[in-house]
Amino acid sequence: MTYIDGFVIAVPGDKRDAFIEHANAADALFIEYGALRVVECWDDDVPDGKQTDFRRAVAAQPGEKIAFAWIEWPSKEVRDTAMAKVMEDPRMAALPPMPFDGKRMIFGGFTPVVELGA
C-alpha cells in the first residue's frame, strides 16, 4: 500500500503564481526521487469552522489562502530514502523562495487504511 505525505499551508493570496512556480520546481524533485504523484490544491471553498478549521490550524492571517497538498509514495521506505536525497540535492537550495511562512505549515506522513477507486 502507498504512503502519503500531507501538507496544509497558509499562503498570501497575492502569491498564488509564486506558490505554483515553487511547487512545480520542488514537486519535480519528489517525482524524480520516486513519488508516484504530487497534488497541490488552492483554497476554493474553505469555510470557517465553529471549533477548528484549516485556517486556524495554520494561523492564517487576513488575505491568506489555504493550500492543501499531498505526495503519494509507493511505500514509507521509498519516501524516507527519497526525502533524504531531496533534502541533500543542491537543486533544492536553488528553488524559488517559499512564498509562505514555513513555520506555520503543518505536515505529516500517513499510512492509508482505506483506498477506493473507480
PDB file of N, CA and C in Angstrom:
ATOM      1  N   MET A   1       0.847  -1.188   0.000  1.00  0.00           N
ATOM      2  CA  MET A   1       0.000   0.000   0.000  1.00  0.00           C
ATOM      3  C   MET A   1       0.886   1.243   0.000  1.00  0.00           C
ATOM      4  N   THR A   2       0.388   2.317  -0.547  1.00  0.00           N
ATOM      5  CA  THR A   2       1.151   3.552  -0.674  1.00  0.00           C
ATOM      6  C   THR A   2       1.361   4.232   0.678  1.00  0.00           C
ATOM      7  N   TYR A   3       2.125   5.301   0.639  1.00  0.00           N
ATOM      8  CA  TYR A   3       2.367   6.146   1.814  1.00  0.00           C
ATOM      9  C   TYR A   3       2.131   7.582   1.366  1.00  0.00           C
ATOM     10  N   ILE A   4       1.523   8.394   2.237  1.00  0.00           N
ATOM     11  CA  ILE A   4       1.137   9.755   1.874  1.00  0.00           C
ATOM     12  C   ILE A   4       1.781  10.765   2.817  1.00  0.00           C
ATOM     13  N   ASP A   5       2.391  11.809   2.235  1.00  0.00           N
ATOM     14  CA  ASP A   5       2.789  12.993   3.000  1.00  0.00           C
ATOM     15  C   ASP A   5       1.724  14.048   2.736  1.00  0.00           C
ATOM     16  N   GLY A   6       1.164  14.631   3.794  1.00  0.00           N
ATOM     17  CA  GLY A   6       0.134  15.646   3.643  1.00  0.00           C
ATOM     18  C   GLY A   6       0.588  16.984   4.198  1.00  0.00           C
ATOM     19  N   PHE A   7       0.093  18.077   3.594  1.00  0.00           N
ATOM     20  CA  PHE A   7       0.518  19.426   3.959  1.00  0.00           C
ATOM     21  C   PHE A   7      -0.670  20.383   3.937  1.00  0.00           C
ATOM     22  N   VAL A   8      -0.705  21.305   4.888  1.00  0.00           N
ATOM     23  CA  VAL A   8      -1.641  22.428   4.872  1.00  0.00           C
ATOM     24  C   VAL A   8      -0.805  23.681   5.112  1.00  0.00           C
ATOM     25  N   ILE A   9      -0.998  24.693   4.246  1.00  0.00           N
ATOM     26  CA  ILE A   9      -0.136  25.873   4.256  1.00  0.00           C
ATOM     27  C   ILE A   9      -0.989  27.126   4.086  1.00  0.00           C
ATOM     28  N   ALA A  10      -0.657  28.178   4.816  1.00  0.00           N
ATOM     29  CA  ALA A  10      -1.268  29.491   4.600  1.00  0.00           C
ATOM     30  C   ALA A  10      -0.365  30.272   3.650  1.00  0.00           C
ATOM     31  N   VAL A  11      -0.946  30.745   2.536  1.00  0.00           N
ATOM     32  CA  VAL A  11      -0.177  31.448   1.510  1.00  0.00           C
ATOM     33  C   VAL A  11      -0.835  32.804   1.244  1.00  0.00           C
ATOM     34  N   PRO A  12      -0.068  33.889   1.243  1.00  0.00           N
ATOM     35  CA  PRO A  12      -0.672  35.170   0.882  1.00  0.00           C
ATOM     36  C   PRO A  12      -1.418  35.044  -0.450  1.00  0.00           C
ATOM     37  N   GLY A  13      -2.644  35.542  -0.488  1.00  0.00           N
ATOM     38  CA  GLY A  13      -3.477  35.410  -1.670  1.00  0.00           C
ATOM     39  C   GLY A  13      -2.849  35.955  -2.939  1.00  0.00           C
ATOM     40  N   ASP A  14      -2.037  36.988  -2.807  1.00  0.00           N
ATOM     41  CA  ASP A  14      -1.403  37.572  -3.990  1.00  0.00           C
ATOM     42  C   ASP A  14      -0.136  36.820  -4.413  1.00  0.00           C
ATOM     43  N   LYS A  15       0.186  35.723  -3.739  1.00  0.00           N
ATOM     44  CA  LYS A  15       1.383  34.933  -4.053  1.00  0.00           C
ATOM     45  C   LYS A  15       1.033  33.607  -4.735  1.00  0.00           C
ATOM     46  N   ARG A  16      -0.180  33.506  -5.286  1.00  0.00           N
ATOM     47  CA  ARG A  16      -0.625  32.260  -5.913  1.00  0.00           C
ATOM     48  C   ARG A  16       0.342  31.819  -7.013  1.00  0.00           C
ATOM     49  N   ASP A  17       0.701  32.713  -7.913  1.00  0.00           N
ATOM     50  CA  ASP A  17       1.601  32.348  -9.011  1.00  0.00           C
ATOM     51  C   ASP A  17       2.975  31.925  -8.492  1.00  0.00           C
ATOM     52  N   ALA A  18       3.480  32.610  -7.482  1.00  0.00           N
ATOM     53  CA  ALA A  18       4.775  32.242  -6.892  1.00  0.00           C
ATOM     54  C   ALA A  18       4.683  30.872  -6.216  1.00  0.00           C
ATOM     55  N   PHE A  19       3.545  30.605  -5.581  1.00  0.00           N
ATOM     56  CA  PHE A  19       3.324  29.296  -4.959  1.00  0.00           C
ATOM     57  C   PHE A  19       3.369  28.199  -6.021  1.00  0.00           C
ATOM     58  N   ILE A  20       2.680  28.415  -7.131  1.00  0.00           N
ATOM     59  CA  ILE A  20       2.641  27.421  -8.203  1.00  0.00           C
ATOM     60  C   ILE A  20       4.033  27.219  -8.794  1.00  0.00           C
ATOM     61  N   GLU A  21       4.769  28.296  -8.993  1.00  0.00           N
ATOM     62  CA  GLU A  21       6.140  28.195  -9.515  1.00  0.00           C
ATOM     63  C   GLU A  21       7.017  27.373  -8.571  1.00  0.00           C
ATOM     64  N   HIS A  22       6.937  27.677  -7.284  1.00  0.00           N
ATOM     65  CA  HIS A  22       7.735  26.939  -6.293  1.00  0.00           C
ATOM     66  C   HIS A  22       7.321  25.472  -6.261  1.00  0.00           C
ATOM     67  N   ALA A  23       6.013  25.222  -6.254  1.00  0.00           N
ATOM     68  CA  ALA A  23       5.520  23.847  -6.203  1.00  0.00           C
ATOM     69  C   ALA A  23       5.977  23.044  -7.422  1.00  0.00           C
ATOM     70  N   ASN A  24       5.871  23.617  -8.596  1.00  0.00           N
ATOM     71  CA  ASN A  24       6.302  22.904  -9.804  1.00  0.00           C
ATOM     72  C   ASN A  24       7.774  22.512  -9.724  1.00  0.00           C
ATOM     73  N   ALA A  25       8.600  23.409  -9.241  1.00  0.00           N
ATOM     74  CA  ALA A  25      10.039  23.127  -9.149  1.00  0.00           C
ATOM     75  C   ALA A  25      10.332  22.056  -8.092  1.00  0.00           C
ATOM     76  N   ALA A  26       9.753  22.204  -6.909  1.00  0.00           N
ATOM     77  CA  ALA A  26      10.003  21.234  -5.836  1.00  0.00           C
ATOM     78  C   ALA A  26       9.377  19.880  -6.160  1.00  0.00           C
ATOM     79  N   ASP A  27       8.167  19.895  -6.677  1.00  0.00           N
ATOM     80  CA  ASP A  27       7.461  18.641  -6.938  1.00  0.00           C
ATOM     81  C   ASP A  27       8.172  17.792  -7.981  1.00  0.00           C
ATOM     82  N   ALA A  28       8.832  18.440  -8.935  1.00  0.00           N
ATOM     83  CA  ALA A  28       9.589  17.688  -9.940  1.00  0.00           C
ATOM     84  C   ALA A  28      10.686  16.854  -9.279  1.00  0.00           C
ATOM     85  N   LEU A  29      11.289  17.376  -8.212  1.00  0.00           N
ATOM     86  CA  LEU A  29      12.320  16.613  -7.495  1.00  0.00           C
ATOM     87  C   LEU A  29      11.709  15.414  -6.781  1.00  0.00           C
ATOM     88  N   PHE A  30      10.536  15.603  -6.162  1.00  0.00           N
ATOM     89  CA  PHE A  30       9.882  14.472  -5.490  1.00  0.00           C
ATOM     90  C   PHE A  30       9.578  13.359  -6.486  1.00  0.00           C
ATOM     91  N   ILE A  31       9.084  13.735  -7.649  1.00  0.00           N
ATOM     92  CA  ILE A  31       8.784  12.741  -8.687  1.00  0.00           C
ATOM     93  C   ILE A  31      10.072  12.052  -9.148  1.00  0.00           C
ATOM     94  N   GLU A  32      11.121  12.839  -9.364  1.00  0.00           N
ATOM     95  CA  GLU A  32      12.404  12.272  -9.796  1.00  0.00           C
ATOM     96  C   GLU A  32      12.917  11.236  -8.808  1.00  0.00           C
ATOM     97  N   TYR A  33      12.703  11.471  -7.518  1.00  0.00           N
ATOM     98  CA  TYR A  33      13.222  10.562  -6.498  1.00  0.00           C
ATOM     99  C   TYR A  33      12.225   9.486  -6.084  1.00  0.00           C
ATOM    100  N   GLY A  34      11.114   9.347  -6.816  1.00  0.00           N
ATOM    101  CA  GLY A  34      10.269   8.181  -6.582  1.00  0.00           C
ATOM    102  C   GLY A  34       8.819   8.410  -6.213  1.00  0.00           C
ATOM    103  N   ALA A  35       8.397   9.660  -6.019  1.00  0.00           N
ATOM    104  CA  ALA A  35       6.985   9.896  -5.718  1.00  0.00           C
ATOM    105  C   ALA A  35       6.140   9.474  -6.916  1.00  0.00           C
ATOM    106  N   LEU A  36       4.994   8.904  -6.636  1.00  0.00           N
ATOM    107  CA  LEU A  36       4.078   8.497  -7.698  1.00  0.00           C
ATOM    108  C   LEU A  36       3.259   9.663  -8.215  1.00  0.00           C
ATOM    109  N   ARG A  37       2.934  10.580  -7.297  1.00  0.00           N
ATOM    110  CA  ARG A  37       2.049  11.691  -7.651  1.00  0.00           C
ATOM    111  C   ARG A  37       2.179  12.777  -6.600  1.00  0.00           C
ATOM    112  N   VAL A  38       2.099  14.027  -7.040  1.00  0.00           N
ATOM    113  CA  VAL A  38       2.053  15.178  -6.136  1.00  0.00           C
ATOM    114  C   VAL A  38       0.860  16.021  -6.564  1.00  0.00           C
ATOM    115  N   VAL A  39       0.038  16.397  -5.595  1.00  0.00           N
ATOM    116  CA  VAL A  39      -1.134  17.221  -5.878  1.00  0.00           C
ATOM    117  C   VAL A  39      -1.067  18.460  -4.997  1.00  0.00           C
ATOM    118  N   GLU A  40      -1.162  19.627  -5.618  1.00  0.00           N
ATOM    119  CA  GLU A  40      -1.169  20.913  -4.915  1.00  0.00           C
ATOM    120  C   GLU A  40      -2.529  21.559  -5.166  1.00  0.00           C
ATOM    121  N   CYS A  41      -3.224  21.929  -4.115  1.00  0.00           N
ATOM    122  CA  CYS A  41      -4.577  22.481  -4.243  1.00  0.00           C
ATOM    123  C   CYS A  41      -4.640  23.867  -3.618  1.00  0.00           C
ATOM    124  N   TRP A  42      -5.447  24.747  -4.232  1.00  0.00           N
ATOM    125  CA  TRP A  42      -5.592  26.136  -3.801  1.00  0.00           C
ATOM    126  C   TRP A  42      -6.987  26.359  -3.227  1.00  0.00           C
ATOM    127  N   ASP A  43      -7.065  27.074  -2.148  1.00  0.00           N
ATOM    128  CA  ASP A  43      -8.300  27.454  -1.453  1.00  0.00           C
ATOM    129  C   ASP A  43      -9.397  27.861  -2.432  1.00  0.00           C
ATOM    130  N   ASP A  44     -10.528  27.159  -2.368  1.00  0.00           N
ATOM    131  CA  ASP A  44     -11.671  27.496  -3.203  1.00  0.00           C
ATOM    132  C   ASP A  44     -12.951  27.565  -2.370  1.00  0.00           C
ATOM    133  N   ASP A  45     -13.133  26.607  -1.471  1.00  0.00           N
ATOM    134  CA  ASP A  45     -14.318  26.550  -0.627  1.00  0.00           C
ATOM    135  C   ASP A  45     -13.873  26.029   0.741  1.00  0.00           C
ATOM    136  N   VAL A  46     -13.224  26.886   1.504  1.00  0.00           N
ATOM    137  CA  VAL A  46     -12.653  26.511   2.799  1.00  0.00           C
ATOM    138  C   VAL A  46     -13.377  27.323   3.877  1.00  0.00           C
ATOM    139  N   PRO A  47     -14.438  26.762   4.437  1.00  0.00           N
ATOM    140  CA  PRO A  47     -15.249  27.530   5.392  1.00  0.00           C
ATOM    141  C   PRO A  47     -14.572  27.672   6.759  1.00  0.00           C
ATOM    142  N   ASP A  48     -14.958  28.724   7.454  1.00  0.00           N
ATOM    143  CA  ASP A  48     -14.550  28.874   8.848  1.00  0.00           C
ATOM    144  C   ASP A  48     -15.363  27.886   9.675  1.00  0.00           C
ATOM    145  N   GLY A  49     -14.696  27.197  10.590  1.00  0.00           N
ATOM    146  CA  GLY A  49     -15.389  26.239  11.440  1.00  0.00           C
ATOM    147  C   GLY A  49     -15.846  26.884  12.741  1.00  0.00           C
ATOM    148  N   LYS A  50     -16.616  26.141  13.490  1.00  0.00           N
ATOM    149  CA  LYS A  50     -17.083  26.640  14.794  1.00  0.00           C
ATOM    150  C   LYS A  50     -16.080  26.334  15.893  1.00  0.00           C
ATOM    151  N   GLN A  51     -15.360  25.220  15.781  1.00  0.00           N
ATOM    152  CA  GLN A  51     -14.367  24.873  16.792  1.00  0.00           C
ATOM    153  C   GLN A  51     -12.952  24.860  16.245  1.00  0.00           C
ATOM    154  N   THR A  52     -12.812  24.363  15.017  1.00  0.00           N
ATOM    155  CA  THR A  52     -11.498  24.334  14.380  1.00  0.00           C
ATOM    156  C   THR A  52     -11.686  24.328  12.868  1.00  0.00           C
ATOM    157  N   ASP A  53     -10.647  24.642  12.150  1.00  0.00           N
ATOM    158  CA  ASP A  53     -10.700  24.642  10.691  1.00  0.00           C
ATOM    159  C   ASP A  53      -9.281  24.746  10.142  1.00  0.00           C
ATOM    160  N   PHE A  54      -9.187  24.692   8.822  1.00  0.00           N
ATOM    161  CA  PHE A  54      -7.868  24.770   8.186  1.00  0.00           C
ATOM    162  C   PHE A  54      -7.169  26.088   8.507  1.00  0.00           C
ATOM    163  N   ARG A  55      -7.907  27.186   8.503  1.00  0.00           N
ATOM    164  CA  ARG A  55      -7.284  28.499   8.742  1.00  0.00           C
ATOM    165  C   ARG A  55      -6.666  28.565  10.140  1.00  0.00           C
ATOM    166  N   ARG A  56      -7.391  28.118  11.124  1.00  0.00           N
ATOM    167  CA  ARG A  56      -6.846  28.136  12.492  1.00  0.00           C
ATOM    168  C   ARG A  56      -5.662  27.186  12.624  1.00  0.00           C
ATOM    169  N   ALA A  57      -5.718  26.077  11.907  1.00  0.00           N
ATOM    170  CA  ALA A  57      -4.639  25.090  12.006  1.00  0.00           C
ATOM    171  C   ALA A  57      -3.286  25.680  11.621  1.00  0.00           C
ATOM    172  N   VAL A  58      -3.300  26.620  10.669  1.00  0.00           N
ATOM    173  CA  VAL A  58      -2.045  27.215  10.205  1.00  0.00           C
ATOM    174  C   VAL A  58      -1.930  28.690  10.567  1.00  0.00           C
ATOM    175  N   ALA A  59      -2.786  29.149  11.481  1.00  0.00           N
ATOM    176  CA  ALA A  59      -2.784  30.550  11.928  1.00  0.00           C
ATOM    177  C   ALA A  59      -2.827  31.512  10.738  1.00  0.00           C
ATOM    178  N   ALA A  60      -3.735  31.229   9.792  1.00  0.00           N
ATOM    179  CA  ALA A  60      -3.855  32.072   8.608  1.00  0.00           C
ATOM    180  C   ALA A  60      -4.237  33.496   8.992  1.00  0.00           C
ATOM    181  N   GLN A  61      -3.620  34.435   8.320  1.00  0.00           N
ATOM    182  CA  GLN A  61      -3.866  35.855   8.539  1.00  0.00           C
ATOM    183  C   GLN A  61      -4.843  36.362   7.470  1.00  0.00           C
ATOM    184  N   PRO A  62      -5.477  37.522   7.701  1.00  0.00           N
ATOM    185  CA  PRO A  62      -6.351  38.080   6.665  1.00  0.00           C
ATOM    186  C   PRO A  62      -5.598  38.198   5.334  1.00  0.00           C
ATOM    187  N   GLY A  63      -6.264  37.820   4.267  1.00  0.00           N
ATOM    188  CA  GLY A  63      -5.657  37.881   2.937  1.00  0.00           C
ATOM    189  C   GLY A  63      -4.895  36.624   2.547  1.00  0.00           C
ATOM    190  N   GLU A  64      -4.734  35.682   3.465  1.00  0.00           N
ATOM    191  CA  GLU A  64      -4.041  34.443   3.130  1.00  0.00           C
ATOM    192  C   GLU A  64      -5.045  33.389   2.668  1.00  0.00           C
ATOM    193  N   LYS A  65      -4.596  32.566   1.756  1.00  0.00           N
ATOM    194  CA  LYS A  65      -5.369  31.443   1.242  1.00  0.00           C
ATOM    195  C   LYS A  65      -4.769  30.152   1.787  1.00  0.00           C
ATOM    196  N   ILE A  66      -5.558  29.104   1.760  1.00  0.00           N
ATOM    197  CA  ILE A  66      -5.093  27.807   2.241  1.00  0.00           C
ATOM    198  C   ILE A  66      -4.683  26.949   1.048  1.00  0.00           C
ATOM    199  N   ALA A  67      -3.487  26.385   1.121  1.00  0.00           N
ATOM    200  CA  ALA A  67      -3.034  25.394   0.148  1.00  0.00           C
ATOM    201  C   ALA A  67      -3.031  24.042   0.851  1.00  0.00           C
ATOM    202  N   PHE A  68      -3.533  23.058   0.166  1.00  0.00           N
ATOM    203  CA  PHE A  68      -3.618  21.691   0.679  1.00  0.00           C
ATOM    204  C   PHE A  68      -2.906  20.811  -0.335  1.00  0.00           C
ATOM    205  N   ALA A  69      -1.972  19.999   0.115  1.00  0.00           N
ATOM    206  CA  ALA A  69      -1.176  19.216  -0.829  1.00  0.00           C
ATOM    207  C   ALA A  69      -0.874  17.842  -0.269  1.00  0.00           C
ATOM    208  N   TRP A  70      -0.581  16.925  -1.188  1.00  0.00           N
ATOM    209  CA  TRP A  70      -0.107  15.630  -0.744  1.00  0.00           C
ATOM    210  C   TRP A  70       0.836  15.038  -1.773  1.00  0.00           C
ATOM    211  N   ILE A  71       1.716  14.197  -1.252  1.00  0.00           N
ATOM    212  CA  ILE A  71       2.653  13.444  -2.087  1.00  0.00           C
ATOM    213  C   ILE A  71       2.349  11.977  -1.858  1.00  0.00           C
ATOM    214  N   GLU A  72       2.141  11.260  -2.940  1.00  0.00           N
ATOM    215  CA  GLU A  72       1.872   9.832  -2.851  1.00  0.00           C
ATOM    216  C   GLU A  72       3.149   9.070  -3.202  1.00  0.00           C
ATOM    217  N   TRP A  73       3.553   8.187  -2.299  1.00  0.00           N
ATOM    218  CA  TRP A  73       4.769   7.391  -2.463  1.00  0.00           C
ATOM    219  C   TRP A  73       4.399   5.911  -2.588  1.00  0.00           C
ATOM    220  N   PRO A  74       5.253   5.098  -3.212  1.00  0.00           N
ATOM    221  CA  PRO A  74       4.965   3.669  -3.288  1.00  0.00           C
ATOM    222  C   PRO A  74       4.988   2.982  -1.926  1.00  0.00           C
ATOM    223  N   SER A  75       5.799   3.522  -1.002  1.00  0.00           N
ATOM    224  CA  SER A  75       5.920   2.939   0.339  1.00  0.00           C
ATOM    225  C   SER A  75       6.604   3.961   1.254  1.00  0.00           C
ATOM    226  N   LYS A  76       6.540   3.707   2.554  1.00  0.00           N
ATOM    227  CA  LYS A  76       7.226   4.582   3.510  1.00  0.00           C
ATOM    228  C   LYS A  76       8.741   4.495   3.313  1.00  0.00           C
ATOM    229  N   GLU A  77       9.233   3.314   2.989  1.00  0.00           N
ATOM    230  CA  GLU A  77      10.667   3.140   2.783  1.00  0.00           C
ATOM    231  C   GLU A  77      11.162   3.986   1.603  1.00  0.00           C
ATOM    232  N   VAL A  78      10.407   3.982   0.508  1.00  0.00           N
ATOM    233  CA  VAL A  78      10.783   4.811  -0.644  1.00  0.00           C
ATOM    234  C   VAL A  78      10.745   6.279  -0.245  1.00  0.00           C
ATOM    235  N   ARG A  79       9.712   6.661   0.498  1.00  0.00           N
ATOM    236  CA  ARG A  79       9.587   8.058   0.939  1.00  0.00           C
ATOM    237  C   ARG A  79      10.763   8.473   1.805  1.00  0.00           C
ATOM    238  N   ASP A  80      11.128   7.645   2.777  1.00  0.00           N
ATOM    239  CA  ASP A  80      12.223   8.001   3.687  1.00  0.00           C
ATOM    240  C   ASP A  80      13.535   8.172   2.929  1.00  0.00           C
ATOM    241  N   THR A  81      13.828   7.251   2.026  1.00  0.00           N
ATOM    242  CA  THR A  81      15.048   7.333   1.221  1.00  0.00           C
ATOM    243  C   THR A  81      15.019   8.562   0.316  1.00  0.00           C
ATOM    244  N   ALA A  82      13.875   8.767  -0.350  1.00  0.00           N
ATOM    245  CA  ALA A  82      13.750   9.891  -1.280  1.00  0.00           C
ATOM    246  C   ALA A  82      13.855  11.230  -0.574  1.00  0.00           C
ATOM    247  N   MET A  83      13.181  11.383   0.559  1.00  0.00           N
ATOM    248  CA  MET A  83      13.210  12.670   1.265  1.00  0.00           C
ATOM    249  C   MET A  83      14.628  13.036   1.677  1.00  0.00           C
ATOM    250  N   ALA A  84      15.395  12.061   2.126  1.00  0.00           N
ATOM    251  CA  ALA A  84      16.790  12.341   2.481  1.00  0.00           C
ATOM    252  C   ALA A  84      17.560  12.833   1.256  1.00  0.00           C
ATOM    253  N   LYS A  85      17.349  12.188   0.112  1.00  0.00           N
ATOM    254  CA  LYS A  85      18.042  12.589  -1.116  1.00  0.00           C
ATOM    255  C   LYS A  85      17.573  13.958  -1.602  1.00  0.00           C
ATOM    256  N   VAL A  86      16.269  14.210  -1.528  1.00  0.00           N
ATOM    257  CA  VAL A  86      15.735  15.509  -1.960  1.00  0.00           C
ATOM    258  C   VAL A  86      16.342  16.626  -1.119  1.00  0.00           C
ATOM    259  N   MET A  87      16.401  16.443   0.180  1.00  0.00           N
ATOM    260  CA  MET A  87      16.916  17.494   1.065  1.00  0.00           C
ATOM    261  C   MET A  87      18.414  17.743   0.858  1.00  0.00           C
ATOM    262  N   GLU A  88      19.137  16.739   0.372  1.00  0.00           N
ATOM    263  CA  GLU A  88      20.564  16.903   0.087  1.00  0.00           C
ATOM    264  C   GLU A  88      20.829  17.419  -1.327  1.00  0.00           C
ATOM    265  N   ASP A  89      19.840  17.360  -2.182  1.00  0.00           N
ATOM    266  CA  ASP A  89      20.014  17.746  -3.573  1.00  0.00           C
ATOM    267  C   ASP A  89      20.264  19.252  -3.658  1.00  0.00           C
ATOM    268  N   PRO A  90      21.348  19.693  -4.301  1.00  0.00           N
ATOM    269  CA  PRO A  90      21.649  21.129  -4.386  1.00  0.00           C
ATOM    270  C   PRO A  90      20.572  21.926  -5.130  1.00  0.00           C
ATOM    271  N   ARG A  91      19.763  21.264  -5.936  1.00  0.00           N
ATOM    272  CA  ARG A  91      18.692  21.975  -6.628  1.00  0.00           C
ATOM    273  C   ARG A  91      17.622  22.478  -5.666  1.00  0.00           C
ATOM    274  N   MET A  92      17.498  21.862  -4.498  1.00  0.00           N
ATOM    275  CA  MET A  92      16.528  22.348  -3.502  1.00  0.00           C
ATOM    276  C   MET A  92      16.908  23.759  -3.050  1.00  0.00           C
ATOM    277  N   ALA A  93      18.193  23.999  -2.836  1.00  0.00           N
ATOM    278  CA  ALA A  93      18.652  25.322  -2.398  1.00  0.00           C
ATOM    279  C   ALA A  93      18.467  26.370  -3.493  1.00  0.00           C
ATOM    280  N   ALA A  94      18.390  25.917  -4.740  1.00  0.00           N
ATOM    281  CA  ALA A  94      18.246  26.844  -5.862  1.00  0.00           C
ATOM    282  C   ALA A  94      16.785  27.113  -6.228  1.00  0.00           C
ATOM    283  N   LEU A  95      15.861  26.510  -5.501  1.00  0.00           N
ATOM    284  CA  LEU A  95      14.439  26.716  -5.799  1.00  0.00           C
ATOM    285  C   LEU A  95      14.040  28.168  -5.580  1.00  0.00           C
ATOM    286  N   PRO A  96      12.985  28.595  -6.259  1.00  0.00           N
ATOM    287  CA  PRO A  96      12.451  29.927  -5.938  1.00  0.00           C
ATOM    288  C   PRO A  96      12.102  29.964  -4.449  1.00  0.00           C
ATOM    289  N   PRO A  97      12.174  31.113  -3.802  1.00  0.00           N
ATOM    290  CA  PRO A  97      11.884  31.165  -2.375  1.00  0.00           C
ATOM    291  C   PRO A  97      10.448  30.729  -2.075  1.00  0.00           C
ATOM    292  N   MET A  98      10.267  30.101  -0.909  1.00  0.00           N
ATOM    293  CA  MET A  98       8.919  29.715  -0.494  1.00  0.00           C
ATOM    294  C   MET A  98       8.096  30.978  -0.300  1.00  0.00           C
ATOM    295  N   PRO A  99       6.951  31.087  -0.953  1.00  0.00           N
ATOM    296  CA  PRO A  99       6.135  32.293  -0.838  1.00  0.00           C
ATOM    297  C   PRO A  99       5.153  32.216   0.331  1.00  0.00           C
ATOM    298  N   PHE A 100       5.581  31.570   1.402  1.00  0.00           N
ATOM    299  CA  PHE A 100       4.736  31.411   2.583  1.00  0.00           C
ATOM    300  C   PHE A 100       5.633  31.208   3.796  1.00  0.00           C
ATOM    301  N   ASP A 101       5.046  31.312   4.971  1.00  0.00           N
ATOM    302  CA  ASP A 101       5.773  31.128   6.224  1.00  0.00           C
ATOM    303  C   ASP A 101       5.822  29.636   6.546  1.00  0.00           C
ATOM    304  N   GLY A 102       6.948  29.025   6.287  1.00  0.00           N
ATOM    305  CA  GLY A 102       7.110  27.595   6.513  1.00  0.00           C
ATOM    306  C   GLY A 102       6.924  27.161   7.954  1.00  0.00           C
ATOM    307  N   LYS A 103       7.072  28.075   8.897  1.00  0.00           N
ATOM    308  CA  LYS A 103       6.885  27.730  10.316  1.00  0.00           C
ATOM    309  C   LYS A 103       5.433  27.429  10.638  1.00  0.00           C
ATOM    310  N   ARG A 104       4.516  27.937   9.804  1.00  0.00           N
ATOM    311  CA  ARG A 104       3.091  27.687  10.048  1.00  0.00           C
ATOM    312  C   ARG A 104       2.529  26.548   9.204  1.00  0.00           C
ATOM    313  N   MET A 105       3.357  25.934   8.384  1.00  0.00           N
ATOM    314  CA  MET A 105       2.920  24.786   7.594  1.00  0.00           C
ATOM    315  C   MET A 105       2.740  23.597   8.541  1.00  0.00           C
ATOM    316  N   ILE A 106       1.660  22.856   8.359  1.00  0.00           N
ATOM    317  CA  ILE A 106       1.526  21.608   9.104  1.00  0.00           C
ATOM    318  C   ILE A 106       1.687  20.465   8.110  1.00  0.00           C
ATOM    319  N   PHE A 107       2.320  19.396   8.555  1.00  0.00           N
ATOM    320  CA  PHE A 107       2.582  18.287   7.652  1.00  0.00           C
ATOM    321  C   PHE A 107       2.719  17.008   8.454  1.00  0.00           C
ATOM    322  N   GLY A 108       2.587  15.917   7.777  1.00  0.00           N
ATOM    323  CA  GLY A 108       2.759  14.629   8.430  1.00  0.00           C
ATOM    324  C   GLY A 108       2.716  13.513   7.408  1.00  0.00           C
ATOM    325  N   GLY A 109       3.176  12.348   7.828  1.00  0.00           N
ATOM    326  CA  GLY A 109       3.157  11.152   6.999  1.00  0.00           C
ATOM    327  C   GLY A 109       2.019  10.251   7.435  1.00  0.00           C
ATOM    328  N   PHE A 110       1.351   9.643   6.464  1.00  0.00           N
ATOM    329  CA  PHE A 110       0.149   8.868   6.737  1.00  0.00           C
ATOM    330  C   PHE A 110       0.169   7.530   6.008  1.00  0.00           C
ATOM    331  N   THR A 111      -0.245   6.486   6.713  1.00  0.00           N
ATOM    332  CA  THR A 111      -0.447   5.180   6.127  1.00  0.00           C
ATOM    333  C   THR A 111      -1.915   5.055   5.762  1.00  0.00           C
ATOM    334  N   PRO A 112      -2.230   4.864   4.484  1.00  0.00           N
ATOM    335  CA  PRO A 112      -3.627   4.705   4.102  1.00  0.00           C
ATOM    336  C   PRO A 112      -4.248   3.487   4.777  1.00  0.00           C
ATOM    337  N   VAL A 113      -5.486   3.613   5.181  1.00  0.00           N
ATOM    338  CA  VAL A 113      -6.207   2.498   5.772  1.00  0.00           C
ATOM    339  C   VAL A 113      -7.409   2.087   4.918  1.00  0.00           C
ATOM    340  N   VAL A 114      -7.833   2.961   4.006  1.00  0.00           N
ATOM    341  CA  VAL A 114      -8.889   2.663   3.037  1.00  0.00           C
ATOM    342  C   VAL A 114      -8.503   3.324   1.731  1.00  0.00           C
ATOM    343  N   GLU A 115      -8.568   2.570   0.653  1.00  0.00           N
ATOM    344  CA  GLU A 115      -8.348   3.107  -0.690  1.00  0.00           C
ATOM    345  C   GLU A 115      -9.447   2.579  -1.590  1.00  0.00           C
ATOM    346  N   LEU A 116     -10.208   3.487  -2.169  1.00  0.00           N
ATOM    347  CA  LEU A 116     -11.248   3.120  -3.124  1.00  0.00           C
ATOM    348  C   LEU A 116     -10.966   3.828  -4.432  1.00  0.00           C
ATOM    349  N   GLY A 117     -11.386   3.273  -5.491  1.00  0.00           N
ATOM    350  CA  GLY A 117     -11.191   3.931  -6.784  1.00  0.00           C
ATOM    351  C   GLY A 117     -12.239   3.475  -7.771  1.00  0.00           C
ATOM    352  N   ALA A 118     -12.284   4.190  -8.871  1.00  0.00           N
ATOM    353  CA  ALA A 118     -13.259   3.840  -9.908  1.00  0.00           C
ATOM    354  C   ALA A 118     -12.756   2.689 -10.740  1.00  0.00           C
TER     355      ALA A 118
END
